[in-house]
């Protein structure tokens, strides 16, 4: 939501990260983009 590079890195995890924050990328996703969940 600002940096294109960040969106590209969080593109794959964003698919399932919001559903399960217990995933290895989920926790990081929530910490990086809490409003993305």
PDB file of N, CA and C in Angstrom:
ATOM      1  N   UNK A   1       0.833  -1.192   0.000  1.00  0.00           N
ATOM      2  CA  UNK A   1       0.000   0.000   0.000  1.00  0.00           C
ATOM      3  C   UNK A   1       0.874   1.251   0.000  1.00  0.00           C
ATOM      4  N   UNK A   2       2.006   1.130  -0.699  1.00  0.00           N
ATOM      5  CA  UNK A   2       2.885   2.282  -0.753  1.00  0.00           C
ATOM      6  C   UNK A   2       4.139   1.920  -1.538  1.00  0.00           C
ATOM      7  N   UNK A   3       4.779   0.822  -1.130  1.00  0.00           N
ATOM      8  CA  UNK A   3       5.989   0.372  -1.817  1.00  0.00           C
ATOM      9  C   UNK A   3       5.666  -0.822  -2.699  1.00  0.00           C
ATOM     10  N   UNK A   4       5.950  -0.701  -3.972  1.00  0.00           N
ATOM     11  CA  UNK A   4       5.639  -1.783  -4.905  1.00  0.00           C
ATOM     12  C   UNK A   4       6.439  -3.029  -4.564  1.00  0.00           C
ATOM     13  N   UNK A   5       7.698  -2.831  -4.144  1.00  0.00           N
ATOM     14  CA  UNK A   5       8.568  -3.961  -3.811  1.00  0.00           C
ATOM     15  C   UNK A   5       7.993  -4.745  -2.628  1.00  0.00           C
ATOM     16  N   UNK A   6       7.402  -4.033  -1.694  1.00  0.00           N
ATOM     17  CA  UNK A   6       6.832  -4.697  -0.509  1.00  0.00           C
ATOM     18  C   UNK A   6       5.630  -5.548  -0.915  1.00  0.00           C
ATOM     19  N   UNK A   7       4.816  -4.986  -1.796  1.00  0.00           N
ATOM     20  CA  UNK A   7       3.617  -5.697  -2.239  1.00  0.00           C
ATOM     21  C   UNK A   7       4.016  -6.981  -2.956  1.00  0.00           C
ATOM     22  N   UNK A   8       5.090  -6.908  -3.719  1.00  0.00           N
ATOM     23  CA  UNK A   8       5.551  -8.080  -4.472  1.00  0.00           C
ATOM     24  C   UNK A   8       6.034  -9.168  -3.520  1.00  0.00           C
ATOM     25  N   UNK A   9       6.660  -8.745  -2.434  1.00  0.00           N
ATOM     26  CA  UNK A   9       7.185  -9.704  -1.458  1.00  0.00           C
ATOM     27  C   UNK A   9       6.060 -10.294  -0.624  1.00  0.00           C
ATOM     28  N   UNK A  10       5.026  -9.494  -0.377  1.00  0.00           N
ATOM     29  CA  UNK A  10       3.912  -9.952   0.447  1.00  0.00           C
ATOM     30  C   UNK A  10       2.743 -10.435  -0.402  1.00  0.00           C
ATOM     31  N   UNK A  11       3.006 -10.611  -1.703  1.00  0.00           N
ATOM     32  CA  UNK A  11       1.938 -11.040  -2.604  1.00  0.00           C
ATOM     33  C   UNK A  11       1.518 -12.484  -2.322  1.00  0.00           C
ATOM     34  N   UNK A  12       2.463 -13.418  -2.303  1.00  0.00           N
ATOM     35  CA  UNK A  12       2.139 -14.828  -2.081  1.00  0.00           C
ATOM     36  C   UNK A  12       1.534 -15.090  -0.693  1.00  0.00           C
ATOM     37  N   UNK A  13       2.171 -14.583   0.371  1.00  0.00           N
ATOM     38  CA  UNK A  13       1.677 -14.828   1.735  1.00  0.00           C
ATOM     39  C   UNK A  13       0.329 -14.156   1.985  1.00  0.00           C
ATOM     40  N   UNK A  14       0.090 -13.059   1.294  1.00  0.00           N
ATOM     41  CA  UNK A  14      -1.157 -12.318   1.490  1.00  0.00           C
ATOM     42  C   UNK A  14      -2.368 -13.191   1.160  1.00  0.00           C
ATOM     43  N   UNK A  15      -2.145 -14.239   0.371  1.00  0.00           N
ATOM     44  CA  UNK A  15      -3.246 -15.118  -0.052  1.00  0.00           C
ATOM     45  C   UNK A  15      -3.781 -15.932   1.126  1.00  0.00           C
ATOM     46  N   UNK A  16      -2.873 -16.409   1.961  1.00  0.00           N
ATOM     47  CA  UNK A  16      -3.290 -17.282   3.069  1.00  0.00           C
ATOM     48  C   UNK A  16      -2.875 -16.729   4.426  1.00  0.00           C
ATOM     49  N   UNK A  17      -1.970 -15.763   4.424  1.00  0.00           N
ATOM     50  CA  UNK A  17      -1.494 -15.188   5.684  1.00  0.00           C
ATOM     51  C   UNK A  17      -2.642 -14.624   6.523  1.00  0.00           C
ATOM     52  N   UNK A  18      -3.518 -13.823   5.923  1.00  0.00           N
ATOM     53  CA  UNK A  18      -4.635 -13.222   6.666  1.00  0.00           C
ATOM     54  C   UNK A  18      -5.501 -14.291   7.332  1.00  0.00           C
ATOM     55  N   UNK A  19      -5.614 -15.444   6.707  1.00  0.00           N
ATOM     56  CA  UNK A  19      -6.462 -16.518   7.236  1.00  0.00           C
ATOM     57  C   UNK A  19      -5.802 -17.170   8.447  1.00  0.00           C
ATOM     58  N   UNK A  20      -4.534 -17.492   8.312  1.00  0.00           N
ATOM     59  CA  UNK A  20      -3.805 -18.134   9.422  1.00  0.00           C
ATOM     60  C   UNK A  20      -2.539 -17.352   9.751  1.00  0.00           C
ATOM     61  N   UNK A  21      -2.579 -16.600  10.829  1.00  0.00           N
ATOM     62  CA  UNK A  21      -1.431 -15.783  11.222  1.00  0.00           C
ATOM     63  C   UNK A  21      -0.346 -16.643  11.867  1.00  0.00           C
ATOM     64  N   UNK A  22      -0.632 -17.927  12.044  1.00  0.00           N
ATOM     65  CA  UNK A  22       0.343 -18.823  12.671  1.00  0.00           C
ATOM     66  C   UNK A  22       1.404 -19.236  11.661  1.00  0.00           C
ATOM     67  N   UNK A  23       1.119 -19.011  10.375  1.00  0.00           N
ATOM     68  CA  UNK A  23       2.081 -19.381   9.335  1.00  0.00           C
ATOM     69  C   UNK A  23       3.378 -18.599   9.490  1.00  0.00           C
ATOM     70  N   UNK A  24       4.439 -19.093   8.905  1.00  0.00           N
ATOM     71  CA  UNK A  24       5.743 -18.426   9.010  1.00  0.00           C
ATOM     72  C   UNK A  24       5.671 -17.025   8.390  1.00  0.00           C
ATOM     73  N   UNK A  25       4.894 -16.852   7.339  1.00  0.00           N
ATOM     74  CA  UNK A  25       4.759 -15.545   6.695  1.00  0.00           C
ATOM     75  C   UNK A  25       3.574 -14.778   7.250  1.00  0.00           C
ATOM     76  N   UNK A  26       2.682 -15.486   7.929  1.00  0.00           N
ATOM     77  CA  UNK A  26       1.495 -14.846   8.499  1.00  0.00           C
ATOM     78  C   UNK A  26       1.861 -13.845   9.578  1.00  0.00           C
ATOM     79  N   UNK A  27       2.657 -14.303  10.540  1.00  0.00           N
ATOM     80  CA  UNK A  27       3.048 -13.430  11.643  1.00  0.00           C
ATOM     81  C   UNK A  27       3.775 -12.199  11.111  1.00  0.00           C
ATOM     82  N   UNK A  28       4.678 -12.425  10.176  1.00  0.00           N
ATOM     83  CA  UNK A  28       5.446 -11.321   9.599  1.00  0.00           C
ATOM     84  C   UNK A  28       4.521 -10.385   8.828  1.00  0.00           C
ATOM     85  N   UNK A  29       3.548 -10.963   8.155  1.00  0.00           N
ATOM     86  CA  UNK A  29       2.609 -10.164   7.366  1.00  0.00           C
ATOM     87  C   UNK A  29       1.799  -9.265   8.287  1.00  0.00           C
ATOM     88  N   UNK A  30       1.349  -9.831   9.403  1.00  0.00           N
ATOM     89  CA  UNK A  30       0.537  -9.074  10.363  1.00  0.00           C
ATOM     90  C   UNK A  30       1.364  -7.949  10.983  1.00  0.00           C
ATOM     91  N   UNK A  31       2.640  -8.225  11.220  1.00  0.00           N
ATOM     92  CA  UNK A  31       3.513  -7.217  11.829  1.00  0.00           C
ATOM     93  C   UNK A  31       3.819  -6.095  10.834  1.00  0.00           C
ATOM     94  N   UNK A  32       3.935  -6.479   9.573  1.00  0.00           N
ATOM     95  CA  UNK A  32       4.261  -5.493   8.539  1.00  0.00           C
ATOM     96  C   UNK A  32       3.008  -4.743   8.094  1.00  0.00           C
ATOM     97  N   UNK A  33       1.899  -5.483   7.941  1.00  0.00           N
ATOM     98  CA  UNK A  33       0.641  -4.861   7.491  1.00  0.00           C
ATOM     99  C   UNK A  33      -0.524  -5.351   8.331  1.00  0.00           C
ATOM    100  N   UNK A  34      -0.714  -4.762   9.491  1.00  0.00           N
ATOM    101  CA  UNK A  34      -1.795  -5.162  10.405  1.00  0.00           C
ATOM    102  C   UNK A  34      -3.171  -4.865   9.818  1.00  0.00           C
ATOM    103  N   UNK A  35      -3.234  -3.873   8.938  1.00  0.00           N
ATOM    104  CA  UNK A  35      -4.525  -3.513   8.337  1.00  0.00           C
ATOM    105  C   UNK A  35      -4.815  -4.374   7.112  1.00  0.00           C
ATOM    106  N   UNK A  36      -3.847  -5.202   6.730  1.00  0.00           N
ATOM    107  CA  UNK A  36      -4.026  -6.053   5.539  1.00  0.00           C
ATOM    108  C   UNK A  36      -4.905  -7.258   5.882  1.00  0.00           C
ATOM    109  N   UNK A  37      -4.928  -7.611   7.159  1.00  0.00           N
ATOM    110  CA  UNK A  37      -5.710  -8.784   7.577  1.00  0.00           C
ATOM    111  C   UNK A  37      -7.192  -8.490   7.442  1.00  0.00           C
TER     112      UNK A  37
END
